[in-house]
Amino acid sequence: MLKASHVNIGGTVALASIVVTSGYISPLLVFYPLFSLLPDADHHSSSATKALGFQLPGATHRGYSHSALFVVW
């Protein structure tokens, strides 16, 4: 997925969480689109890796960082 796809999914999840929580708007929702870039910090040329300044240790592209457990972590 490209950066724009990750950000769009993060924004969609943020909006959906407002609906699910009956209108509660958490201040953290602003960061959902940014958090959605983290799974790609496992690739050396991704926007997330460049922004963080490092690649996730021991990760291969679409490895553990693309799992549901990574999201919960």
Protein backbone atom coordinates (compact mmCIF):
# COMPACT_ATOMS: atom_id res chain seq x y z
CA MET A 1 0.00 0.00 0.00
CA LEU A 2 1.08 3.54 -0.58
CA LYS A 3 1.31 6.32 1.98
CA ALA A 4 -2.00 7.84 0.83
CA SER A 5 -3.77 4.49 1.26
CA HIS A 6 -2.49 4.09 4.81
CA VAL A 7 -3.52 7.64 5.73
CA ASN A 8 -6.98 7.16 4.20
CA ILE A 9 -7.51 3.98 6.18
CA GLY A 10 -6.37 5.70 9.38
CA GLY A 11 -8.80 8.56 8.74
CA THR A 12 -11.63 6.13 8.02
CA VAL A 13 -10.96 4.24 11.26
CA ALA A 14 -10.93 7.53 13.17
CA LEU A 15 -14.30 8.55 11.73
CA ALA A 16 -15.76 5.09 12.29
CA SER A 17 -14.68 5.18 15.93
CA ILE A 18 -16.69 8.39 16.41
CA VAL A 19 -19.77 6.62 15.07
CA VAL A 20 -19.19 3.50 17.18
CA THR A 21 -18.70 5.54 20.37
CA SER A 22 -21.90 7.55 19.77
CA GLY A 23 -20.12 10.77 18.98
CA TYR A 24 -17.29 10.71 21.51
CA ILE A 25 -14.30 12.44 19.96
CA SER A 26 -10.99 11.50 21.51
CA PRO A 27 -8.08 13.90 21.06
CA LEU A 28 -6.03 10.90 19.88
CA LEU A 29 -8.14 10.62 16.72
CA VAL A 30 -6.00 13.32 15.16
CA PHE A 31 -3.07 10.91 15.24
CA TYR A 32 -4.82 7.90 13.64
CA PRO A 33 -3.75 8.81 10.09
CA LEU A 34 -0.15 9.15 11.32
CA PHE A 35 -0.29 5.91 13.31
CA SER A 36 -1.53 4.15 10.18
CA LEU A 37 1.89 4.72 8.58
CA LEU A 38 3.74 2.72 11.26
CA PRO A 39 3.22 -0.73 9.68
CA ASP A 40 5.39 0.38 6.76
CA ALA A 41 8.30 1.29 9.04
CA ASP A 42 9.50 -2.21 8.15
CA HIS A 43 10.59 -1.08 4.67
CA HIS A 44 13.82 0.85 4.17
CA SER A 45 12.38 3.45 1.78
CA SER A 46 8.96 4.07 3.35
CA SER A 47 7.78 7.47 4.57
CA ALA A 48 7.46 6.09 8.10
CA THR A 49 11.04 4.82 8.16
CA LYS A 50 12.30 8.15 6.88
CA ALA A 51 10.22 10.08 9.44
CA LEU A 52 11.32 7.86 12.34
CA GLY A 53 14.92 7.76 11.22
CA PHE A 54 15.15 3.98 11.62
CA GLN A 55 13.64 0.76 10.31
CA LEU A 56 11.76 -1.55 12.67
CA PRO A 57 14.23 -4.14 13.97
CA GLY A 58 13.89 -7.69 12.71
CA ALA A 59 11.04 -6.78 10.40
CA THR A 60 10.56 -7.88 6.85
CA HIS A 61 8.14 -6.02 4.63
CA ARG A 62 4.59 -7.06 5.43
CA GLY A 63 5.89 -9.10 8.34
CA TYR A 64 4.93 -8.71 11.99
CA SER A 65 4.21 -4.99 11.66
CA HIS A 66 1.28 -5.75 9.34
CA SER A 67 -0.46 -8.04 11.83
CA ALA A 68 -3.34 -7.33 14.15
CA LEU A 69 -1.06 -7.97 17.14
CA PHE A 70 1.14 -5.05 16.10
CA VAL A 71 -1.94 -2.80 16.11
CA VAL A 72 -2.88 -3.92 19.63
CA TRP A 73 0.67 -3.48 20.85
